[in-house]
């Protein structure tokens, strides 16, 4: 059986910890991706980091994070900048709730 000296064993432990920490950071980053795409009746769409309960009177539709409009709908929709906190776009204005 192959035996490592003390310095080599210490280096291997350090490398193992570094790899685990790196993989953990990647996993945390992947899970913090946006949670949904939301579009209003005006065609404004934005990404949310959390899934909110929108009231029906807000006039929004909620889609999965990977939703994209079709090529033929490109004149109907436009991306709006995501805002901090809960809210929705209405007639070009961000309305928090």
C-alpha atoms as a PDB file:
ATOM      1  CA  UNK A   1       0.000   0.000   0.000  1.00  0.00           C
ATOM      2  CA  UNK A   2       1.195   3.540  -0.800  1.00  0.00           C
ATOM      3  CA  UNK A   3       1.927   5.679   2.282  1.00  0.00           C
ATOM      4  CA  UNK A   4       1.953   9.498   2.218  1.00  0.00           C
ATOM      5  CA  UNK A   5       4.356  11.499   4.326  1.00  0.00           C
ATOM      6  CA  UNK A   6       2.905  14.076   6.761  1.00  0.00           C
ATOM      7  CA  UNK A   7       3.331  17.108   4.485  1.00  0.00           C
ATOM      8  CA  UNK A   8       1.738  15.324   1.530  1.00  0.00           C
ATOM      9  CA  UNK A   9      -1.170  14.176   3.709  1.00  0.00           C
ATOM     10  CA  UNK A  10      -1.680  17.750   4.963  1.00  0.00           C
ATOM     11  CA  UNK A  11      -1.663  19.062   1.381  1.00  0.00           C
ATOM     12  CA  UNK A  12      -4.235  16.459   0.308  1.00  0.00           C
ATOM     13  CA  UNK A  13      -6.544  17.401   3.204  1.00  0.00           C
ATOM     14  CA  UNK A  14      -6.242  21.082   2.279  1.00  0.00           C
ATOM     15  CA  UNK A  15      -6.983  20.324  -1.365  1.00  0.00           C
ATOM     16  CA  UNK A  16     -10.018  18.215  -0.425  1.00  0.00           C
ATOM     17  CA  UNK A  17     -11.416  21.001   1.750  1.00  0.00           C
ATOM     18  CA  UNK A  18     -10.809  23.568  -1.005  1.00  0.00           C
ATOM     19  CA  UNK A  19     -12.612  21.413  -3.592  1.00  0.00           C
ATOM     20  CA  UNK A  20     -15.592  20.855  -1.273  1.00  0.00           C
ATOM     21  CA  UNK A  21     -15.784  24.585  -0.488  1.00  0.00           C
ATOM     22  CA  UNK A  22     -15.650  25.450  -4.189  1.00  0.00           C
ATOM     23  CA  UNK A  23     -18.378  22.990  -5.095  1.00  0.00           C
ATOM     24  CA  UNK A  24     -20.541  24.288  -2.245  1.00  0.00           C
ATOM     25  CA  UNK A  25     -20.154  27.861  -3.504  1.00  0.00           C
ATOM     26  CA  UNK A  26     -21.190  26.786  -7.000  1.00  0.00           C
ATOM     27  CA  UNK A  27     -24.225  24.948  -5.631  1.00  0.00           C
ATOM     28  CA  UNK A  28     -25.318  27.990  -3.614  1.00  0.00           C
ATOM     29  CA  UNK A  29     -24.908  30.266  -6.622  1.00  0.00           C
ATOM     30  CA  UNK A  30     -26.954  27.950  -8.811  1.00  0.00           C
ATOM     31  CA  UNK A  31     -29.834  27.881  -6.343  1.00  0.00           C
ATOM     32  CA  UNK A  32     -29.957  31.679  -6.065  1.00  0.00           C
ATOM     33  CA  UNK A  33     -30.946  32.061  -9.707  1.00  0.00           C
ATOM     34  CA  UNK A  34     -34.176  33.832 -10.455  1.00  0.00           C
ATOM     35  CA  UNK A  35     -37.386  32.045  -9.570  1.00  0.00           C
ATOM     36  CA  UNK A  36     -39.748  33.205 -12.303  1.00  0.00           C
ATOM     37  CA  UNK A  37     -40.434  35.406 -15.290  1.00  0.00           C
ATOM     38  CA  UNK A  38     -43.409  37.734 -14.841  1.00  0.00           C
ATOM     39  CA  UNK A  39     -45.141  39.639 -17.651  1.00  0.00           C
ATOM     40  CA  UNK A  40     -47.919  42.211 -17.412  1.00  0.00           C
ATOM     41  CA  UNK A  41     -50.730  42.928 -19.854  1.00  0.00           C
ATOM     42  CA  UNK A  42     -48.635  45.736 -21.412  1.00  0.00           C
ATOM     43  CA  UNK A  43     -45.947  43.199 -22.454  1.00  0.00           C
ATOM     44  CA  UNK A  44     -43.379  44.262 -19.847  1.00  0.00           C
ATOM     45  CA  UNK A  45     -41.480  41.218 -18.549  1.00  0.00           C
ATOM     46  CA  UNK A  46     -39.012  40.944 -15.679  1.00  0.00           C
ATOM     47  CA  UNK A  47     -37.271  38.267 -13.634  1.00  0.00           C
ATOM     48  CA  UNK A  48     -37.905  37.708  -9.951  1.00  0.00           C
ATOM     49  CA  UNK A  49     -35.606  36.103  -7.412  1.00  0.00           C
ATOM     50  CA  UNK A  50     -38.538  34.824  -5.385  1.00  0.00           C
ATOM     51  CA  UNK A  51     -41.994  33.611  -6.278  1.00  0.00           C
ATOM     52  CA  UNK A  52     -44.549  36.124  -5.085  1.00  0.00           C
ATOM     53  CA  UNK A  53     -48.323  35.882  -4.897  1.00  0.00           C
ATOM     54  CA  UNK A  54     -49.605  38.487  -7.342  1.00  0.00           C
ATOM     55  CA  UNK A  55     -53.221  39.605  -7.021  1.00  0.00           C
ATOM     56  CA  UNK A  56     -55.384  39.034 -10.113  1.00  0.00           C
ATOM     57  CA  UNK A  57     -55.997  42.792 -10.422  1.00  0.00           C
ATOM     58  CA  UNK A  58     -52.242  43.296 -11.044  1.00  0.00           C
ATOM     59  CA  UNK A  59     -52.810  41.761 -14.491  1.00  0.00           C
ATOM     60  CA  UNK A  60     -49.612  39.698 -14.575  1.00  0.00           C
ATOM     61  CA  UNK A  61     -48.785  36.206 -15.759  1.00  0.00           C
ATOM     62  CA  UNK A  62     -46.109  34.127 -14.063  1.00  0.00           C
ATOM     63  CA  UNK A  63     -43.905  31.792 -16.081  1.00  0.00           C
ATOM     64  CA  UNK A  64     -41.077  29.419 -15.241  1.00  0.00           C
ATOM     65  CA  UNK A  65     -37.532  30.739 -14.999  1.00  0.00           C
ATOM     66  CA  UNK A  66     -36.686  29.329 -18.433  1.00  0.00           C
ATOM     67  CA  UNK A  67     -39.677  30.919 -20.238  1.00  0.00           C
ATOM     68  CA  UNK A  68     -38.967  32.898 -23.404  1.00  0.00           C
ATOM     69  CA  UNK A  69     -41.340  34.505 -25.820  1.00  0.00           C
ATOM     70  CA  UNK A  70     -41.507  33.113 -29.315  1.00  0.00           C
ATOM     71  CA  UNK A  71     -39.926  34.940 -32.248  1.00  0.00           C
ATOM     72  CA  UNK A  72     -43.350  35.973 -33.589  1.00  0.00           C
ATOM     73  CA  UNK A  73     -44.127  37.595 -30.195  1.00  0.00           C
ATOM     74  CA  UNK A  74     -40.999  39.776 -30.169  1.00  0.00           C
ATOM     75  CA  UNK A  75     -43.007  42.948 -30.851  1.00  0.00           C
ATOM     76  CA  UNK A  76     -45.438  42.139 -28.034  1.00  0.00           C
ATOM     77  CA  UNK A  77     -42.932  41.726 -25.172  1.00  0.00           C
ATOM     78  CA  UNK A  78     -39.953  43.672 -23.838  1.00  0.00           C
ATOM     79  CA  UNK A  79     -37.614  43.092 -20.889  1.00  0.00           C
ATOM     80  CA  UNK A  80     -37.758  45.462 -17.949  1.00  0.00           C
ATOM     81  CA  UNK A  81     -35.025  45.746 -15.363  1.00  0.00           C
ATOM     82  CA  UNK A  82     -35.623  43.622 -12.283  1.00  0.00           C
ATOM     83  CA  UNK A  83     -36.218  45.682  -9.160  1.00  0.00           C
ATOM     84  CA  UNK A  84     -35.471  44.982  -5.504  1.00  0.00           C
ATOM     85  CA  UNK A  85     -38.367  43.777  -3.397  1.00  0.00           C
ATOM     86  CA  UNK A  86     -41.910  42.832  -4.267  1.00  0.00           C
ATOM     87  CA  UNK A  87     -43.742  44.667  -6.985  1.00  0.00           C
ATOM     88  CA  UNK A  88     -44.748  44.765 -10.623  1.00  0.00           C
ATOM     89  CA  UNK A  89     -44.447  46.967 -13.700  1.00  0.00           C
ATOM     90  CA  UNK A  90     -47.567  48.888 -14.789  1.00  0.00           C
ATOM     91  CA  UNK A  91     -47.496  51.395 -17.672  1.00  0.00           C
ATOM     92  CA  UNK A  92     -43.711  51.744 -17.398  1.00  0.00           C
ATOM     93  CA  UNK A  93     -43.678  52.384 -13.633  1.00  0.00           C
ATOM     94  CA  UNK A  94     -42.551  49.969 -10.908  1.00  0.00           C
ATOM     95  CA  UNK A  95     -45.245  49.589  -8.240  1.00  0.00           C
ATOM     96  CA  UNK A  96     -44.131  48.021  -4.979  1.00  0.00           C
ATOM     97  CA  UNK A  97     -46.441  46.010  -2.775  1.00  0.00           C
END
